[in-house]
Amino acid sequence: FTVPHYHIAESDVLITVGADLFETFISPVEWSKQFAEGKKKGLKWFHAEPYLSVTGASARHRMVVKAGSETYLLAYLLHHIPHRNALPDSLLAAIPNESLEKVAGLTGISIGMIQEMTRALKQARQPLLIAGGTAIANGNANVTARYAALLQWALGMVGTTVDFEHSYNYESVGAADD
């Protein structure tokens, strides 16, 4: 499968969900360099993870999320951030649309932090969302990846901060169940 290249340095708001950029996610040296460049430009960064990682310890806004509940956060964002690229109504109708209070309860993230992240994404010119890695390797990992991809498309990241033209090919990487 293909993993896109991410342009962290070009983004103004970065949301990472489980992706341990500085230790285990694809290319930690590259992400560290890009993050340093983005930070100089005022990059706002929110990181959600169930367990403390090197990345989480470095995050300006670290959100401890209940393992497996990442999908609720992403579904909330899909329903509450204006889309630059339309998604079919039938697709959005199939994604849970929970209240802010319920999402906070399900994820363990404070209402204030979810609101702050939502505001930042609404105001972002070049947002970037990266989800994946071992921190979200649970029963909801595939749904988390799908919702992340939908957000990347809906918020106009694909072709800007999410680059499939310079992607990583993971077809020869084995999995634990192979």
C-alpha atoms as a PDB file:
ATOM      1  CA  PHE A   1       0.000   0.000   0.000  1.00  0.00           C
ATOM      2  CA  THR A   2       0.951   3.621  -0.442  1.00  0.00           C
ATOM      3  CA  VAL A   3       1.577   6.145   2.320  1.00  0.00           C
ATOM      4  CA  PRO A   4       1.608   9.784   1.249  1.00  0.00           C
ATOM      5  CA  HIS A   5       4.475  12.147   1.902  1.00  0.00           C
ATOM      6  CA  TYR A   6       3.543  14.865   4.397  1.00  0.00           C
ATOM      7  CA  HIS A   7       4.631  18.505   4.181  1.00  0.00           C
ATOM      8  CA  ILE A   8       4.733  19.455   7.852  1.00  0.00           C
ATOM      9  CA  ALA A   9       6.903  22.517   7.249  1.00  0.00           C
ATOM     10  CA  GLU A  10       4.294  23.922   4.848  1.00  0.00           C
ATOM     11  CA  SER A  11       1.358  23.480   7.223  1.00  0.00           C
ATOM     12  CA  ASP A  12       0.102  26.059   9.678  1.00  0.00           C
ATOM     13  CA  VAL A  13      -1.986  23.646  11.785  1.00  0.00           C
ATOM     14  CA  LEU A  14      -0.870  20.059  12.376  1.00  0.00           C
ATOM     15  CA  ILE A  15      -3.088  17.391  13.933  1.00  0.00           C
ATOM     16  CA  THR A  16      -1.410  14.071  14.643  1.00  0.00           C
ATOM     17  CA  VAL A  17      -3.462  11.101  15.806  1.00  0.00           C
ATOM     18  CA  GLY A  18      -1.276   8.311  17.123  1.00  0.00           C
ATOM     19  CA  ALA A  19       1.552   9.030  14.671  1.00  0.00           C
ATOM     20  CA  ASP A  20       4.790   9.049  16.670  1.00  0.00           C
ATOM     21  CA  LEU A  21       6.594  11.370  14.263  1.00  0.00           C
ATOM     22  CA  PHE A  22       9.829  11.630  16.211  1.00  0.00           C
ATOM     23  CA  GLU A  23      10.405   7.968  17.003  1.00  0.00           C
ATOM     24  CA  THR A  24       8.605   5.317  14.917  1.00  0.00           C
ATOM     25  CA  PHE A  25       6.525   6.892  12.128  1.00  0.00           C
ATOM     26  CA  ILE A  26       8.008   6.355   8.637  1.00  0.00           C
ATOM     27  CA  SER A  27      10.879   8.898   8.696  1.00  0.00           C
ATOM     28  CA  PRO A  28      11.501  10.432  12.155  1.00  0.00           C
ATOM     29  CA  VAL A  29      14.587  12.408  11.095  1.00  0.00           C
ATOM     30  CA  GLU A  30      12.717  14.035   8.209  1.00  0.00           C
ATOM     31  CA  TRP A  31       9.667  14.827  10.378  1.00  0.00           C
ATOM     32  CA  SER A  32      11.861  16.338  13.089  1.00  0.00           C
ATOM     33  CA  LYS A  33      13.530  18.600  10.555  1.00  0.00           C
ATOM     34  CA  GLN A  34      10.229  19.618   8.971  1.00  0.00           C
ATOM     35  CA  PHE A  35       8.655  20.214  12.375  1.00  0.00           C
ATOM     36  CA  ALA A  36      11.531  22.512  13.372  1.00  0.00           C
ATOM     37  CA  GLU A  37      11.013  24.507  10.156  1.00  0.00           C
ATOM     38  CA  GLY A  38       7.257  24.694  10.735  1.00  0.00           C
ATOM     39  CA  LYS A  39       7.683  25.738  14.348  1.00  0.00           C
ATOM     40  CA  LYS A  40       9.769  28.736  13.228  1.00  0.00           C
ATOM     41  CA  LYS A  41       6.798  29.772  11.061  1.00  0.00           C
ATOM     42  CA  GLY A  42       4.312  29.492  13.952  1.00  0.00           C
ATOM     43  CA  LEU A  43       2.954  25.981  13.376  1.00  0.00           C
ATOM     44  CA  LYS A  44       0.086  25.081  15.758  1.00  0.00           C
ATOM     45  CA  TRP A  45       0.258  21.428  16.742  1.00  0.00           C
ATOM     46  CA  PHE A  46      -2.249  19.113  18.430  1.00  0.00           C
ATOM     47  CA  HIS A  47      -1.301  15.504  19.152  1.00  0.00           C
ATOM     48  CA  ALA A  48      -3.745  12.782  20.267  1.00  0.00           C
ATOM     49  CA  GLU A  49      -2.441   9.482  21.596  1.00  0.00           C
ATOM     50  CA  PRO A  50      -3.441   6.856  24.148  1.00  0.00           C
ATOM     51  CA  TYR A  51       0.076   6.312  25.529  1.00  0.00           C
ATOM     52  CA  LEU A  52       2.988   8.686  26.062  1.00  0.00           C
ATOM     53  CA  SER A  53       5.462   8.757  23.193  1.00  0.00           C
ATOM     54  CA  VAL A  54       8.494  10.869  22.333  1.00  0.00           C
ATOM     55  CA  THR A  55       6.222  12.813  19.995  1.00  0.00           C
ATOM     56  CA  GLY A  56       3.580  13.336  22.664  1.00  0.00           C
ATOM     57  CA  ALA A  57       6.175  14.555  25.135  1.00  0.00           C
ATOM     58  CA  SER A  58       7.180  17.210  22.575  1.00  0.00           C
ATOM     59  CA  ALA A  59       3.678  18.302  21.564  1.00  0.00           C
ATOM     60  CA  ARG A  60       2.434  21.773  22.436  1.00  0.00           C
ATOM     61  CA  HIS A  61      -1.096  20.393  22.843  1.00  0.00           C
ATOM     62  CA  ARG A  62      -0.994  16.730  23.864  1.00  0.00           C
ATOM     63  CA  MET A  63      -4.380  15.067  24.162  1.00  0.00           C
ATOM     64  CA  VAL A  64      -4.591  11.743  25.966  1.00  0.00           C
ATOM     65  CA  VAL A  65      -7.274   9.828  24.101  1.00  0.00           C
ATOM     66  CA  LYS A  66      -8.869   6.592  25.264  1.00  0.00           C
ATOM     67  CA  ALA A  67      -7.396   3.810  23.138  1.00  0.00           C
ATOM     68  CA  GLY A  68      -9.734   2.956  20.271  1.00  0.00           C
ATOM     69  CA  SER A  69     -11.790   6.163  20.543  1.00  0.00           C
ATOM     70  CA  GLU A  70      -9.839   8.161  17.951  1.00  0.00           C
ATOM     71  CA  THR A  71     -12.627   7.574  15.430  1.00  0.00           C
ATOM     72  CA  TYR A  72     -15.049   9.684  17.485  1.00  0.00           C
ATOM     73  CA  LEU A  73     -12.688  12.655  17.423  1.00  0.00           C
ATOM     74  CA  LEU A  74     -12.187  12.408  13.651  1.00  0.00           C
ATOM     75  CA  ALA A  75     -15.916  11.898  13.025  1.00  0.00           C
ATOM     76  CA  TYR A  76     -16.650  14.997  15.091  1.00  0.00           C
ATOM     77  CA  LEU A  77     -14.184  17.021  13.015  1.00  0.00           C
ATOM     78  CA  LEU A  78     -15.712  15.710   9.773  1.00  0.00           C
ATOM     79  CA  HIS A  79     -19.094  17.066  10.857  1.00  0.00           C
ATOM     80  CA  HIS A  80     -17.929  20.365  12.399  1.00  0.00           C
ATOM     81  CA  ILE A  81     -15.238  21.775  10.092  1.00  0.00           C
ATOM     82  CA  PRO A  82     -16.365  23.463   6.848  1.00  0.00           C
ATOM     83  CA  HIS A  83     -15.284  21.366   3.868  1.00  0.00           C
ATOM     84  CA  ARG A  84     -13.241  22.820   1.024  1.00  0.00           C
ATOM     85  CA  ASN A  85     -13.962  19.717  -1.046  1.00  0.00           C
ATOM     86  CA  ALA A  86     -17.465  18.312  -0.803  1.00  0.00           C
ATOM     87  CA  LEU A  87     -18.168  14.847   0.493  1.00  0.00           C
ATOM     88  CA  PRO A  88     -21.380  13.092  -0.557  1.00  0.00           C
ATOM     89  CA  ASP A  89     -24.222  13.608   1.924  1.00  0.00           C
ATOM     90  CA  SER A  90     -24.816   9.849   1.982  1.00  0.00           C
ATOM     91  CA  LEU A  91     -21.216   9.294   3.082  1.00  0.00           C
ATOM     92  CA  LEU A  92     -21.425  11.899   5.846  1.00  0.00           C
ATOM     93  CA  ALA A  93     -24.735  10.407   7.003  1.00  0.00           C
ATOM     94  CA  ALA A  94     -22.964   7.074   7.550  1.00  0.00           C
ATOM     95  CA  ILE A  95     -20.423   8.667   9.920  1.00  0.00           C
ATOM     96  CA  PRO A  96     -21.526   9.085  13.552  1.00  0.00           C
ATOM     97  CA  ASN A  97     -22.423  12.684  14.415  1.00  0.00           C
ATOM     98  CA  GLU A  98     -22.104  12.911  18.190  1.00  0.00           C
ATOM     99  CA  SER A  99     -22.341  16.014  20.352  1.00  0.00           C
ATOM    100  CA  LEU A 100     -19.226  17.745  21.633  1.00  0.00           C
ATOM    101  CA  GLU A 101     -20.027  16.581  25.156  1.00  0.00           C
ATOM    102  CA  LYS A 102     -20.408  12.962  24.079  1.00  0.00           C
ATOM    103  CA  VAL A 103     -17.177  13.029  22.038  1.00  0.00           C
ATOM    104  CA  ALA A 104     -15.331  14.478  25.039  1.00  0.00           C
ATOM    105  CA  GLY A 105     -16.717  11.698  27.228  1.00  0.00           C
ATOM    106  CA  LEU A 106     -15.941   8.941  24.725  1.00  0.00           C
ATOM    107  CA  THR A 107     -12.395  10.126  23.988  1.00  0.00           C
ATOM    108  CA  GLY A 108     -11.351  11.579  27.338  1.00  0.00           C
ATOM    109  CA  ILE A 109     -10.295  14.835  25.644  1.00  0.00           C
ATOM    110  CA  SER A 110     -11.583  17.987  27.312  1.00  0.00           C
ATOM    111  CA  ILE A 111     -14.335  19.987  25.641  1.00  0.00           C
ATOM    112  CA  GLY A 112     -12.069  23.044  25.656  1.00  0.00           C
ATOM    113  CA  MET A 113      -9.261  21.228  23.847  1.00  0.00           C
ATOM    114  CA  ILE A 114     -11.621  19.843  21.184  1.00  0.00           C
ATOM    115  CA  GLN A 115     -13.017  23.367  20.686  1.00  0.00           C
ATOM    116  CA  GLU A 116      -9.520  24.856  20.433  1.00  0.00           C
ATOM    117  CA  MET A 117      -8.458  22.264  17.855  1.00  0.00           C
ATOM    118  CA  THR A 118     -11.676  22.770  15.873  1.00  0.00           C
ATOM    119  CA  ARG A 119     -11.145  26.551  15.810  1.00  0.00           C
ATOM    120  CA  ALA A 120      -7.543  26.135  14.699  1.00  0.00           C
ATOM    121  CA  LEU A 121      -8.581  23.824  11.830  1.00  0.00           C
ATOM    122  CA  LYS A 122     -11.353  26.193  10.744  1.00  0.00           C
ATOM    123  CA  GLN A 123      -8.847  29.065  10.556  1.00  0.00           C
ATOM    124  CA  ALA A 124      -6.003  27.068   8.967  1.00  0.00           C
ATOM    125  CA  ARG A 125      -4.804  27.989   5.511  1.00  0.00           C
ATOM    126  CA  GLN A 126      -2.666  24.851   5.100  1.00  0.00           C
ATOM    127  CA  PRO A 127      -3.869  22.216   7.569  1.00  0.00           C
ATOM    128  CA  LEU A 128      -2.316  18.782   7.895  1.00  0.00           C
ATOM    129  CA  LEU A 129      -3.700  15.700   9.620  1.00  0.00           C
ATOM    130  CA  ILE A 130      -1.546  12.609  10.077  1.00  0.00           C
ATOM    131  CA  ALA A 131      -3.028   9.468  11.629  1.00  0.00           C
ATOM    132  CA  GLY A 132      -1.456   6.082  12.093  1.00  0.00           C
ATOM    133  CA  GLY A 133       1.348   4.250  13.748  1.00  0.00           C
ATOM    134  CA  THR A 134       1.457   1.743  16.540  1.00  0.00           C
ATOM    135  CA  ALA A 135      -0.460   3.985  18.968  1.00  0.00           C
ATOM    136  CA  ILE A 136      -3.690   3.389  17.064  1.00  0.00           C
ATOM    137  CA  ALA A 137      -3.079  -0.272  16.189  1.00  0.00           C
ATOM    138  CA  ASN A 138      -6.364  -1.433  17.647  1.00  0.00           C
ATOM    139  CA  GLY A 139      -9.703  -2.684  16.388  1.00  0.00           C
ATOM    140  CA  ASN A 140     -10.606   0.767  15.047  1.00  0.00           C
ATOM    141  CA  ALA A 141      -7.371   1.432  13.145  1.00  0.00           C
ATOM    142  CA  ASN A 142      -8.941   0.960   9.697  1.00  0.00           C
ATOM    143  CA  VAL A 143     -11.869   3.260  10.506  1.00  0.00           C
ATOM    144  CA  THR A 144      -9.443   5.812  11.951  1.00  0.00           C
ATOM    145  CA  ALA A 145      -7.426   5.697   8.713  1.00  0.00           C
ATOM    146  CA  ARG A 146     -10.571   6.087   6.592  1.00  0.00           C
ATOM    147  CA  TYR A 147     -11.868   9.057   8.586  1.00  0.00           C
ATOM    148  CA  ALA A 148      -8.413  10.656   8.479  1.00  0.00           C
ATOM    149  CA  ALA A 149      -8.327  10.251   4.686  1.00  0.00           C
ATOM    150  CA  LEU A 150     -11.795  11.788   4.382  1.00  0.00           C
ATOM    151  CA  LEU A 151     -10.706  14.758   6.494  1.00  0.00           C
ATOM    152  CA  GLN A 152      -7.570  15.157   4.408  1.00  0.00           C
ATOM    153  CA  TRP A 153      -9.701  15.297   1.278  1.00  0.00           C
ATOM    154  CA  ALA A 154     -12.513  17.437   2.697  1.00  0.00           C
ATOM    155  CA  LEU A 155     -10.152  20.053   4.153  1.00  0.00           C
ATOM    156  CA  GLY A 156      -8.089  20.364   0.970  1.00  0.00           C
ATOM    157  CA  MET A 157      -4.915  18.690   2.218  1.00  0.00           C
ATOM    158  CA  VAL A 158      -4.580  16.238  -0.680  1.00  0.00           C
ATOM    159  CA  GLY A 159      -2.269  17.763  -3.262  1.00  0.00           C
ATOM    160  CA  THR A 160      -0.893  20.342  -0.820  1.00  0.00           C
ATOM    161  CA  THR A 161       0.266  19.093   2.593  1.00  0.00           C
ATOM    162  CA  VAL A 162      -0.641  15.457   1.769  1.00  0.00           C
ATOM    163  CA  ASP A 163       1.408  14.460  -1.266  1.00  0.00           C
ATOM    164  CA  PHE A 164       0.666  11.186  -3.057  1.00  0.00           C
ATOM    165  CA  GLU A 165       2.981  12.124  -5.928  1.00  0.00           C
ATOM    166  CA  HIS A 166       6.004  11.557  -3.658  1.00  0.00           C
ATOM    167  CA  SER A 167       4.534   8.744  -1.571  1.00  0.00           C
ATOM    168  CA  TYR A 168       6.149   5.853   0.256  1.00  0.00           C
ATOM    169  CA  ASN A 169       5.588   2.350  -1.131  1.00  0.00           C
ATOM    170  CA  TYR A 170       4.889  -0.120   1.661  1.00  0.00           C
ATOM    171  CA  GLU A 171       3.875  -3.082  -0.514  1.00  0.00           C
ATOM    172  CA  SER A 172       6.928  -5.117   0.523  1.00  0.00           C
ATOM    173  CA  VAL A 173       6.595  -4.386   4.237  1.00  0.00           C
ATOM    174  CA  GLY A 174       5.278  -7.401   6.126  1.00  0.00           C
ATOM    175  CA  ALA A 175       2.628  -7.426   8.795  1.00  0.00           C
ATOM    176  CA  ALA A 176       2.351  -9.434  11.987  1.00  0.00           C
ATOM    177  CA  ASP A 177      -0.478 -11.513  10.501  1.00  0.00           C
ATOM    178  CA  ASP A 178       1.444 -12.477   7.307  1.00  0.00           C
END
